[in-house]
Full PDB file with SEQRES, HELIX, SHEET, SSBOND, CRYST1, ORIGX, SCALE, CONECT and MASTER records, all heavy atoms in Angstrom:
SEQRES   1 A   32  PRO LEU GLU ARG THR PHE TRP MET PHE HIS GLU LYS GLN          
SEQRES   2 A   32  GLU PRO GLN LEU VAL TYR GLN SER LEU ALA GLY TRP LYS          
SEQRES   3 A   32  LEU GLY VAL TYR PHE TYR                                      
SHEET    1 AA1 3 GLU A   3  PHE A   9  0                                        
SHEET    2 AA1 3 LYS A  12  GLN A  20 -1                                        
SHEET    3 AA1 3 LYS A  26  TYR A  30 -1                                        
CRYST1    1.000    1.000    1.000  90.00  90.00  90.00 P 1           1          
ORIGX1      1.000000  0.000000  0.000000        0.00000                         
ORIGX2      0.000000  1.000000  0.000000        0.00000                         
ORIGX3      0.000000  0.000000  1.000000        0.00000                         
SCALE1      1.000000  0.000000  0.000000        0.00000                         
SCALE2      0.000000  1.000000  0.000000        0.00000                         
SCALE3      0.000000  0.000000  1.000000        0.00000                         
ATOM      1  N   PRO A   1      83.991 105.481 102.987  1.00  0.00           N  
ATOM      2  CA  PRO A   1      84.827 105.451 101.862  1.00  0.00           C  
ATOM      3  C   PRO A   1      86.062 106.439 101.983  1.00  0.00           C  
ATOM      4  O   PRO A   1      85.934 107.428 102.772  1.00  0.00           O  
ATOM      5  CB  PRO A   1      84.035 105.822 100.651  1.00  0.00           C  
ATOM      6  CG  PRO A   1      82.892 106.618 101.287  1.00  0.00           C  
ATOM      7  CD  PRO A   1      82.713 106.047 102.642  1.00  0.00           C  
ATOM      8  N   LEU A   2      87.093 106.236 101.353  1.00  0.00           N  
ATOM      9  CA  LEU A   2      88.220 107.218 101.323  1.00  0.00           C  
ATOM     10  C   LEU A   2      87.795 108.431 100.583  1.00  0.00           C  
ATOM     11  O   LEU A   2      88.171 109.442 100.954  1.00  0.00           O  
ATOM     12  CB  LEU A   2      89.428 106.636 100.537  1.00  0.00           C  
ATOM     13  CG  LEU A   2      90.594 107.454 100.251  1.00  0.00           C  
ATOM     14  CD1 LEU A   2      91.310 107.814 101.573  1.00  0.00           C  
ATOM     15  CD2 LEU A   2      91.455 106.898  99.214  1.00  0.00           C  
ATOM     16  N   GLU A   3      86.924 108.291  99.593  1.00  0.00           N  
ATOM     17  CA  GLU A   3      86.502 109.425  98.767  1.00  0.00           C  
ATOM     18  C   GLU A   3      85.120 109.240  98.279  1.00  0.00           C  
ATOM     19  O   GLU A   3      84.742 108.072  97.881  1.00  0.00           O  
ATOM     20  CB  GLU A   3      87.431 109.611  97.587  1.00  0.00           C  
ATOM     21  CG  GLU A   3      87.183 110.662  96.639  1.00  0.00           C  
ATOM     22  CD  GLU A   3      88.212 110.814  95.513  1.00  0.00           C  
ATOM     23  OE1 GLU A   3      89.084 109.856  95.388  1.00  0.00           O  
ATOM     24  OE2 GLU A   3      88.021 111.752  94.746  1.00  0.00           O  
ATOM     25  N   ARG A   4      84.273 110.249  98.318  1.00  0.00           N  
ATOM     26  CA  ARG A   4      83.024 110.189  97.620  1.00  0.00           C  
ATOM     27  C   ARG A   4      83.139 111.167  96.478  1.00  0.00           C  
ATOM     28  O   ARG A   4      83.508 112.355  96.593  1.00  0.00           O  
ATOM     29  CB  ARG A   4      81.885 110.753  98.579  1.00  0.00           C  
ATOM     30  CG  ARG A   4      81.538 109.767  99.703  1.00  0.00           C  
ATOM     31  CD  ARG A   4      80.382 110.382 100.404  1.00  0.00           C  
ATOM     32  NE  ARG A   4      80.048 109.443 101.488  1.00  0.00           N  
ATOM     33  CZ  ARG A   4      80.485 109.422 102.690  1.00  0.00           C  
ATOM     34  NH1 ARG A   4      81.502 110.282 103.124  1.00  0.00           N  
ATOM     35  NH2 ARG A   4      80.150 108.530 103.683  1.00  0.00           N  
ATOM     36  N   THR A   5      82.953 110.566  95.228  1.00  0.00           N  
ATOM     37  CA  THR A   5      83.084 111.517  94.066  1.00  0.00           C  
ATOM     38  C   THR A   5      81.911 111.098  93.031  1.00  0.00           C  
ATOM     39  O   THR A   5      80.884 110.505  93.399  1.00  0.00           O  
ATOM     40  CB  THR A   5      84.531 111.068  93.460  1.00  0.00           C  
ATOM     41  OG1 THR A   5      84.778 112.024  92.308  1.00  0.00           O  
ATOM     42  CG2 THR A   5      84.644 109.703  92.946  1.00  0.00           C  
ATOM     43  N   PHE A   6      82.207 111.453  91.847  1.00  0.00           N  
ATOM     44  CA  PHE A   6      81.162 111.400  90.799  1.00  0.00           C  
ATOM     45  C   PHE A   6      81.712 110.712  89.576  1.00  0.00           C  
ATOM     46  O   PHE A   6      83.029 110.929  89.250  1.00  0.00           O  
ATOM     47  CB  PHE A   6      80.396 112.597  90.452  1.00  0.00           C  
ATOM     48  CG  PHE A   6      79.612 113.171  91.643  1.00  0.00           C  
ATOM     49  CD1 PHE A   6      80.238 114.090  92.526  1.00  0.00           C  
ATOM     50  CD2 PHE A   6      78.295 112.750  91.884  1.00  0.00           C  
ATOM     51  CE1 PHE A   6      79.557 114.594  93.541  1.00  0.00           C  
ATOM     52  CE2 PHE A   6      77.653 113.296  92.958  1.00  0.00           C  
ATOM     53  CZ  PHE A   6      78.198 114.192  93.834  1.00  0.00           C  
ATOM     54  N   TRP A   7      80.978 110.011  88.672  1.00  0.00           N  
ATOM     55  CA  TRP A   7      81.324 109.590  87.461  1.00  0.00           C  
ATOM     56  C   TRP A   7      80.266 109.949  86.468  1.00  0.00           C  
ATOM     57  O   TRP A   7      79.095 110.101  86.789  1.00  0.00           O  
ATOM     58  CB  TRP A   7      81.761 108.164  87.500  1.00  0.00           C  
ATOM     59  CG  TRP A   7      80.516 107.122  87.667  1.00  0.00           C  
ATOM     60  CD1 TRP A   7      79.656 107.150  88.771  1.00  0.00           C  
ATOM     61  CD2 TRP A   7      80.133 106.175  86.872  1.00  0.00           C  
ATOM     62  NE1 TRP A   7      78.791 106.127  88.560  1.00  0.00           N  
ATOM     63  CE2 TRP A   7      78.937 105.583  87.419  1.00  0.00           C  
ATOM     64  CE3 TRP A   7      80.450 105.698  85.503  1.00  0.00           C  
ATOM     65  CZ2 TRP A   7      78.195 104.512  86.796  1.00  0.00           C  
ATOM     66  CZ3 TRP A   7      79.728 104.719  84.928  1.00  0.00           C  
ATOM     67  CH2 TRP A   7      78.730 104.154  85.553  1.00  0.00           C  
ATOM     68  N   MET A   8      80.624 110.049  85.145  1.00  0.00           N  
ATOM     69  CA  MET A   8      79.627 110.411  84.183  1.00  0.00           C  
ATOM     70  C   MET A   8      78.974 109.143  83.567  1.00  0.00           C  
ATOM     71  O   MET A   8      79.773 108.163  83.219  1.00  0.00           O  
ATOM     72  CB  MET A   8      80.259 111.199  83.006  1.00  0.00           C  
ATOM     73  CG  MET A   8      80.740 112.579  83.492  1.00  0.00           C  
ATOM     74  SD  MET A   8      79.443 113.710  84.059  1.00  0.00           S  
ATOM     75  CE  MET A   8      78.538 113.948  82.683  1.00  0.00           C  
ATOM     76  N   PHE A   9      77.739 109.063  83.492  1.00  0.00           N  
ATOM     77  CA  PHE A   9      76.951 108.000  83.004  1.00  0.00           C  
ATOM     78  C   PHE A   9      75.719 108.479  82.325  1.00  0.00           C  
ATOM     79  O   PHE A   9      74.967 109.233  82.908  1.00  0.00           O  
ATOM     80  CB  PHE A   9      76.589 106.981  84.041  1.00  0.00           C  
ATOM     81  CG  PHE A   9      76.014 105.552  83.517  1.00  0.00           C  
ATOM     82  CD1 PHE A   9      76.906 104.810  82.911  1.00  0.00           C  
ATOM     83  CD2 PHE A   9      74.714 105.348  83.779  1.00  0.00           C  
ATOM     84  CE1 PHE A   9      76.307 103.574  82.415  1.00  0.00           C  
ATOM     85  CE2 PHE A   9      74.142 104.220  83.302  1.00  0.00           C  
ATOM     86  CZ  PHE A   9      74.913 103.277  82.526  1.00  0.00           C  
ATOM     87  N   HIS A  10      75.546 108.299  80.992  1.00  0.00           N  
ATOM     88  CA  HIS A  10      74.513 108.806  80.141  1.00  0.00           C  
ATOM     89  C   HIS A  10      74.453 110.386  80.380  1.00  0.00           C  
ATOM     90  O   HIS A  10      73.352 110.862  80.623  1.00  0.00           O  
ATOM     91  CB  HIS A  10      73.179 108.248  80.570  1.00  0.00           C  
ATOM     92  CG  HIS A  10      73.116 106.711  80.194  1.00  0.00           C  
ATOM     93  ND1 HIS A  10      73.126 106.303  79.068  1.00  0.00           N  
ATOM     94  CD2 HIS A  10      72.982 105.644  81.098  1.00  0.00           C  
ATOM     95  CE1 HIS A  10      73.040 104.915  79.026  1.00  0.00           C  
ATOM     96  NE2 HIS A  10      72.923 104.559  80.231  1.00  0.00           N  
ATOM     97  N   GLU A  11      75.627 111.026  80.338  1.00  0.00           N  
ATOM     98  CA  GLU A  11      75.754 112.400  80.404  1.00  0.00           C  
ATOM     99  C   GLU A  11      75.180 112.997  81.686  1.00  0.00           C  
ATOM    100  O   GLU A  11      74.782 114.142  81.724  1.00  0.00           O  
ATOM    101  CB  GLU A  11      75.105 113.038  79.159  1.00  0.00           C  
ATOM    102  CG  GLU A  11      75.665 112.745  77.788  1.00  0.00           C  
ATOM    103  CD  GLU A  11      75.063 113.267  76.678  1.00  0.00           C  
ATOM    104  OE1 GLU A  11      74.186 114.288  76.781  1.00  0.00           O  
ATOM    105  OE2 GLU A  11      75.392 112.861  75.501  1.00  0.00           O  
ATOM    106  N   LYS A  12      75.162 112.282  82.758  1.00  0.00           N  
ATOM    107  CA  LYS A  12      74.749 112.718  84.016  1.00  0.00           C  
ATOM    108  C   LYS A  12      75.827 112.265  85.116  1.00  0.00           C  
ATOM    109  O   LYS A  12      76.320 111.152  85.007  1.00  0.00           O  
ATOM    110  CB  LYS A  12      73.444 112.059  84.390  1.00  0.00           C  
ATOM    111  CG  LYS A  12      72.781 112.587  85.677  1.00  0.00           C  
ATOM    112  CD  LYS A  12      71.390 111.920  85.894  1.00  0.00           C  
ATOM    113  CE  LYS A  12      70.954 112.215  87.208  1.00  0.00           C  
ATOM    114  NZ  LYS A  12      70.009 111.361  87.730  1.00  0.00           N  
ATOM    115  N   GLN A  13      76.044 113.129  86.039  1.00  0.00           N  
ATOM    116  CA  GLN A  13      76.978 112.729  87.116  1.00  0.00           C  
ATOM    117  C   GLN A  13      76.255 111.831  88.118  1.00  0.00           C  
ATOM    118  O   GLN A  13      75.134 112.183  88.652  1.00  0.00           O  
ATOM    119  CB  GLN A  13      77.426 113.980  87.958  1.00  0.00           C  
ATOM    120  CG  GLN A  13      78.479 114.835  87.254  1.00  0.00           C  
ATOM    121  CD  GLN A  13      79.062 115.910  88.124  1.00  0.00           C  
ATOM    122  OE1 GLN A  13      78.450 116.278  89.042  1.00  0.00           O  
ATOM    123  NE2 GLN A  13      80.316 116.245  87.919  1.00  0.00           N  
ATOM    124  N   GLU A  14      76.919 110.657  88.444  1.00  0.00           N  
ATOM    125  CA  GLU A  14      76.317 109.697  89.278  1.00  0.00           C  
ATOM    126  C   GLU A  14      77.376 109.474  90.421  1.00  0.00           C  
ATOM    127  O   GLU A  14      78.528 109.709  90.251  1.00  0.00           O  
ATOM    128  CB  GLU A  14      75.986 108.376  88.580  1.00  0.00           C  
ATOM    129  CG  GLU A  14      74.994 108.514  87.586  1.00  0.00           C  
ATOM    130  CD  GLU A  14      73.478 108.684  88.133  1.00  0.00           C  
ATOM    131  OE1 GLU A  14      73.328 108.417  89.391  1.00  0.00           O  
ATOM    132  OE2 GLU A  14      72.659 109.280  87.434  1.00  0.00           O  
ATOM    133  N   PRO A  15      76.939 109.086  91.601  1.00  0.00           N  
ATOM    134  CA  PRO A  15      77.851 108.922  92.767  1.00  0.00           C  
ATOM    135  C   PRO A  15      78.774 107.661  92.528  1.00  0.00           C  
ATOM    136  O   PRO A  15      78.467 106.803  91.908  1.00  0.00           O  
ATOM    137  CB  PRO A  15      76.980 108.595  93.989  1.00  0.00           C  
ATOM    138  CG  PRO A  15      75.532 108.965  93.480  1.00  0.00           C  
ATOM    139  CD  PRO A  15      75.567 108.856  92.091  1.00  0.00           C  
ATOM    140  N   GLN A  16      79.983 107.893  93.138  1.00  0.00           N  
ATOM    141  CA  GLN A  16      80.977 106.862  93.097  1.00  0.00           C  
ATOM    142  C   GLN A  16      81.626 106.884  94.588  1.00  0.00           C  
ATOM    143  O   GLN A  16      82.004 107.889  94.957  1.00  0.00           O  
ATOM    144  CB  GLN A  16      82.060 107.039  92.001  1.00  0.00           C  
ATOM    145  CG  GLN A  16      83.107 106.031  92.134  1.00  0.00           C  
ATOM    146  CD  GLN A  16      84.260 106.349  91.133  1.00  0.00           C  
ATOM    147  OE1 GLN A  16      84.325 107.265  90.376  1.00  0.00           O  
ATOM    148  NE2 GLN A  16      85.319 105.497  91.233  1.00  0.00           N  
ATOM    149  N   LEU A  17      81.820 105.749  95.032  1.00  0.00           N  
ATOM    150  CA  LEU A  17      82.565 105.588  96.301  1.00  0.00           C  
ATOM    151  C   LEU A  17      84.042 104.955  95.963  1.00  0.00           C  
ATOM    152  O   LEU A  17      84.002 104.015  95.176  1.00  0.00           O  
ATOM    153  CB  LEU A  17      81.798 104.698  97.363  1.00  0.00           C  
ATOM    154  CG  LEU A  17      80.421 105.119  97.798  1.00  0.00           C  
ATOM    155  CD1 LEU A  17      79.856 104.172  98.733  1.00  0.00           C  
ATOM    156  CD2 LEU A  17      80.428 106.560  98.371  1.00  0.00           C  
ATOM    157  N   VAL A  18      84.988 105.406  96.597  1.00  0.00           N  
ATOM    158  CA  VAL A  18      86.395 104.837  96.476  1.00  0.00           C  
ATOM    159  C   VAL A  18      86.902 104.461  97.781  1.00  0.00           C  
ATOM    160  O   VAL A  18      86.915 105.158  98.791  1.00  0.00           O  
ATOM    161  CB  VAL A  18      87.219 105.970  95.838  1.00  0.00           C  
ATOM    162  CG1 VAL A  18      88.634 105.459  95.492  1.00  0.00           C  
ATOM    163  CG2 VAL A  18      86.605 106.444  94.509  1.00  0.00           C  
ATOM    164  N   TYR A  19      87.367 103.305  97.748  1.00  0.00           N  
ATOM    165  CA  TYR A  19      87.999 102.643  99.021  1.00  0.00           C  
ATOM    166  C   TYR A  19      89.442 102.251  98.670  1.00  0.00           C  
ATOM    167  O   TYR A  19      89.668 101.821  97.500  1.00  0.00           O  
ATOM    168  CB  TYR A  19      87.253 101.272  99.487  1.00  0.00           C  
ATOM    169  CG  TYR A  19      85.933 101.638  99.937  1.00  0.00           C  
ATOM    170  CD1 TYR A  19      84.910 101.735  99.008  1.00  0.00           C  
ATOM    171  CD2 TYR A  19      85.643 101.833 101.318  1.00  0.00           C  
ATOM    172  CE1 TYR A  19      83.515 102.008  99.507  1.00  0.00           C  
ATOM    173  CE2 TYR A  19      84.359 102.063 101.743  1.00  0.00           C  
ATOM    174  CZ  TYR A  19      83.262 102.139 100.827  1.00  0.00           C  
ATOM    175  OH  TYR A  19      82.014 102.447 101.341  1.00  0.00           O  
ATOM    176  N   GLN A  20      90.390 102.431  99.554  1.00  0.00           N  
ATOM    177  CA  GLN A  20      91.731 102.042  99.256  1.00  0.00           C  
ATOM    178  C   GLN A  20      92.351 101.489 100.582  1.00  0.00           C  
ATOM    179  O   GLN A  20      92.097 102.058 101.624  1.00  0.00           O  
ATOM    180  CB  GLN A  20      92.626 103.189  98.715  1.00  0.00           C  
ATOM    181  CG  GLN A  20      93.965 102.914  98.325  1.00  0.00           C  
ATOM    182  CD  GLN A  20      94.643 104.076  97.587  1.00  0.00           C  
ATOM    183  OE1 GLN A  20      93.959 105.000  96.987  1.00  0.00           O  
ATOM    184  NE2 GLN A  20      95.911 104.127  97.607  1.00  0.00           N  
ATOM    185  N   SER A  21      93.227 100.466 100.394  1.00  0.00           N  
ATOM    186  CA  SER A  21      93.873  99.960 101.556  1.00  0.00           C  
ATOM    187  C   SER A  21      95.305 100.246 101.647  1.00  0.00           C  
ATOM    188  O   SER A  21      95.892 100.469 100.545  1.00  0.00           O  
ATOM    189  CB  SER A  21      93.710  98.384 101.621  1.00  0.00           C  
ATOM    190  OG  SER A  21      94.562  97.746 100.782  1.00  0.00           O  
ATOM    191  N   LEU A  22      95.997 100.029 102.790  1.00  0.00           N  
ATOM    192  CA  LEU A  22      97.362 100.191 102.821  1.00  0.00           C  
ATOM    193  C   LEU A  22      98.040  98.937 102.283  1.00  0.00           C  
ATOM    194  O   LEU A  22      99.202  98.925 101.894  1.00  0.00           O  
ATOM    195  CB  LEU A  22      97.821 100.319 104.337  1.00  0.00           C  
ATOM    196  CG  LEU A  22      97.224 101.576 105.035  1.00  0.00           C  
ATOM    197  CD1 LEU A  22      97.594 101.536 106.575  1.00  0.00           C  
ATOM    198  CD2 LEU A  22      97.942 102.797 104.330  1.00  0.00           C  
ATOM    199  N   ALA A  23      97.315  97.845 102.168  1.00  0.00           N  
ATOM    200  CA  ALA A  23      97.749  96.590 101.546  1.00  0.00           C  
ATOM    201  C   ALA A  23      97.985  96.679 100.026  1.00  0.00           C  
ATOM    202  O   ALA A  23      98.613  95.865  99.385  1.00  0.00           O  
ATOM    203  CB  ALA A  23      96.835  95.424 101.799  1.00  0.00           C  
ATOM    204  N   GLY A  24      97.426  97.709  99.437  1.00  0.00           N  
ATOM    205  CA  GLY A  24      97.814  97.985  98.041  1.00  0.00           C  
ATOM    206  C   GLY A  24      96.678  97.692  97.017  1.00  0.00           C  
ATOM    207  O   GLY A  24      96.952  97.264  95.980  1.00  0.00           O  
ATOM    208  N   TRP A  25      95.388  97.936  97.447  1.00  0.00           N  
ATOM    209  CA  TRP A  25      94.310  97.604  96.520  1.00  0.00           C  
ATOM    210  C   TRP A  25      93.453  98.844  96.532  1.00  0.00           C  
ATOM    211  O   TRP A  25      93.410  99.627  97.524  1.00  0.00           O  
ATOM    212  CB  TRP A  25      93.569  96.345  96.716  1.00  0.00           C  
ATOM    213  CG  TRP A  25      93.012  96.206  98.041  1.00  0.00           C  
ATOM    214  CD1 TRP A  25      93.551  95.439  99.071  1.00  0.00           C  
ATOM    215  CD2 TRP A  25      91.832  96.734  98.680  1.00  0.00           C  
ATOM    216  NE1 TRP A  25      92.689  95.516 100.235  1.00  0.00           N  
ATOM    217  CE2 TRP A  25      91.713  96.347  99.948  1.00  0.00           C  
ATOM    218  CE3 TRP A  25      90.806  97.584  98.161  1.00  0.00           C  
ATOM    219  CZ2 TRP A  25      90.634  96.680 100.808  1.00  0.00           C  
ATOM    220  CZ3 TRP A  25      89.728  97.977  98.994  1.00  0.00           C  
ATOM    221  CH2 TRP A  25      89.758  97.465 100.342  1.00  0.00           C  
ATOM    222  N   LYS A  26      92.599  99.088  95.539  1.00  0.00           N  
ATOM    223  CA  LYS A  26      91.741 100.117  95.319  1.00  0.00           C  
ATOM    224  C   LYS A  26      90.394  99.586  94.836  1.00  0.00           C  
ATOM    225  O   LYS A  26      90.358  98.890  93.888  1.00  0.00           O  
ATOM    226  CB  LYS A  26      92.182 101.232  94.406  1.00  0.00           C  
ATOM    227  CG  LYS A  26      91.455 102.507  94.337  1.00  0.00           C  
ATOM    228  CD  LYS A  26      92.035 103.507  93.532  1.00  0.00           C  
ATOM    229  CE  LYS A  26      91.336 104.803  93.543  1.00  0.00           C  
ATOM    230  NZ  LYS A  26      92.108 105.871  92.675  1.00  0.00           N  
ATOM    231  N   LEU A  27      89.297  99.977  95.438  1.00  0.00           N  
ATOM    232  CA  LEU A  27      87.914  99.463  95.132  1.00  0.00           C  
ATOM    233  C   LEU A  27      87.014 100.716  94.734  1.00  0.00           C  
ATOM    234  O   LEU A  27      87.034 101.706  95.501  1.00  0.00           O  
ATOM    235  CB  LEU A  27      87.309  98.701  96.281  1.00  0.00           C  
ATOM    236  CG  LEU A  27      85.862  98.253  96.158  1.00  0.00           C  
ATOM    237  CD1 LEU A  27      85.675  97.239  95.081  1.00  0.00           C  
ATOM    238  CD2 LEU A  27      85.358  97.622  97.482  1.00  0.00           C  
ATOM    239  N   GLY A  28      86.474 100.660  93.614  1.00  0.00           N  
ATOM    240  CA  GLY A  28      85.476 101.607  93.112  1.00  0.00           C  
ATOM    241  C   GLY A  28      84.007 101.106  93.089  1.00  0.00           C  
ATOM    242  O   GLY A  28      83.967  99.923  92.625  1.00  0.00           O  
ATOM    243  N   VAL A  29      83.166 101.768  93.639  1.00  0.00           N  
ATOM    244  CA  VAL A  29      81.751 101.371  93.620  1.00  0.00           C  
ATOM    245  C   VAL A  29      80.892 102.429  92.960  1.00  0.00           C  
ATOM    246  O   VAL A  29      80.833 103.577  93.370  1.00  0.00           O  
ATOM    247  CB  VAL A  29      81.198 101.083  95.117  1.00  0.00           C  
ATOM    248  CG1 VAL A  29      79.716 100.592  95.065  1.00  0.00           C  
ATOM    249  CG2 VAL A  29      82.123 100.149  95.912  1.00  0.00           C  
ATOM    250  N   TYR A  30      80.286 102.067  91.729  1.00  0.00           N  
ATOM    251  CA  TYR A  30      79.660 102.943  90.875  1.00  0.00           C  
ATOM    252  C   TYR A  30      78.094 102.809  91.046  1.00  0.00           C  
ATOM    253  O   TYR A  30      77.625 101.832  90.918  1.00  0.00           O  
ATOM    254  CB  TYR A  30      80.069 102.703  89.474  1.00  0.00           C  
ATOM    255  CG  TYR A  30      81.512 102.922  89.315  1.00  0.00           C  
ATOM    256  CD1 TYR A  30      82.399 101.869  89.554  1.00  0.00           C  
ATOM    257  CD2 TYR A  30      82.112 104.110  88.839  1.00  0.00           C  
ATOM    258  CE1 TYR A  30      83.769 101.928  89.446  1.00  0.00           C  
ATOM    259  CE2 TYR A  30      83.532 104.196  88.664  1.00  0.00           C  
ATOM    260  CZ  TYR A  30      84.297 103.165  88.992  1.00  0.00           C  
ATOM    261  OH  TYR A  30      85.542 103.262  88.799  1.00  0.00           O  
ATOM    262  N   PHE A  31      77.425 103.950  91.084  1.00  0.00           N  
ATOM    263  CA  PHE A  31      75.975 104.051  91.304  1.00  0.00           C  
ATOM    264  C   PHE A  31      75.198 104.687  90.083  1.00  0.00           C  
ATOM    265  O   PHE A  31      75.752 105.379  89.318  1.00  0.00           O  
ATOM    266  CB  PHE A  31      75.595 104.787  92.491  1.00  0.00           C  
ATOM    267  CG  PHE A  31      76.111 104.168  93.774  1.00  0.00           C  
ATOM    268  CD1 PHE A  31      77.368 104.576  94.251  1.00  0.00           C  
ATOM    269  CD2 PHE A  31      75.268 103.330  94.590  1.00  0.00           C  
ATOM    270  CE1 PHE A  31      77.890 103.874  95.424  1.00  0.00           C  
ATOM    271  CE2 PHE A  31      75.804 102.814  95.708  1.00  0.00           C  
ATOM    272  CZ  PHE A  31      77.118 103.107  96.128  1.00  0.00           C  
ATOM    273  N   TYR A  32      74.013 104.145  89.831  1.00  0.00           N  
ATOM    274  CA  TYR A  32      73.156 104.698  88.903  1.00  0.00           C  
ATOM    275  C   TYR A  32      71.673 104.569  89.337  1.00  0.00           C  
ATOM    276  O   TYR A  32      71.336 103.335  89.786  1.00  0.00           O  
ATOM    277  CB  TYR A  32      73.196 104.028  87.487  1.00  0.00           C  
ATOM    278  CG  TYR A  32      72.388 104.680  86.506  1.00  0.00           C  
ATOM    279  CD1 TYR A  32      72.404 105.979  86.059  1.00  0.00           C  
ATOM    280  CD2 TYR A  32      71.260 103.898  86.057  1.00  0.00           C  
ATOM    281  CE1 TYR A  32      71.447 106.517  85.115  1.00  0.00           C  
ATOM    282  CE2 TYR A  32      70.344 104.427  85.054  1.00  0.00           C  
ATOM    283  CZ  TYR A  32      70.499 105.675  84.655  1.00  0.00           C  
ATOM    284  OH  TYR A  32      69.614 106.165  83.774  1.00  0.00           O  
TER     285      TYR A  32                                                      
MASTER        0    0    0    0    3    0    0    6  284    1    0    3          
END                                                                             
Protein backbone atom coordinates (compact mmCIF):
# COMPACT_ATOMS: atom_id res chain seq x y z
CA PRO A 1 0.00 0.00 0.00
CA LEU A 2 0.92 3.66 -0.38
CA GLU A 3 0.09 4.12 3.28
CA ARG A 4 -0.70 1.99 6.32
CA THR A 5 -2.83 3.98 8.72
CA PHE A 6 -5.69 3.60 11.20
CA TRP A 7 -9.36 4.49 11.40
CA MET A 8 -11.65 4.68 14.41
CA PHE A 9 -14.32 1.97 14.71
CA HIS A 10 -16.26 1.40 17.95
CA GLU A 11 -13.86 3.77 19.72
CA LYS A 12 -10.87 1.63 18.76
CA GLN A 13 -8.12 2.20 16.19
CA GLU A 14 -8.28 -0.40 13.42
CA PRO A 15 -5.89 -0.85 10.45
CA GLN A 16 -6.51 0.79 7.09
CA LEU A 17 -4.55 0.34 3.87
CA VAL A 18 -4.50 3.15 1.29
CA TYR A 19 -3.65 2.63 -2.38
CA GLN A 20 -3.38 5.40 -4.99
CA SER A 21 -2.59 5.35 -8.69
CA LEU A 22 -1.06 7.85 -11.06
CA ALA A 23 -4.21 7.35 -13.16
CA GLY A 24 -6.18 9.28 -10.58
CA TRP A 25 -7.93 6.90 -8.17
CA LYS A 26 -7.61 6.12 -4.48
CA LEU A 27 -8.61 2.88 -2.76
CA GLY A 28 -9.11 2.48 1.00
CA VAL A 29 -9.29 -0.96 2.62
CA TYR A 30 -10.69 -0.96 6.18
CA PHE A 31 -10.18 -3.75 8.74
CA TYR A 32 -11.94 -4.82 11.90
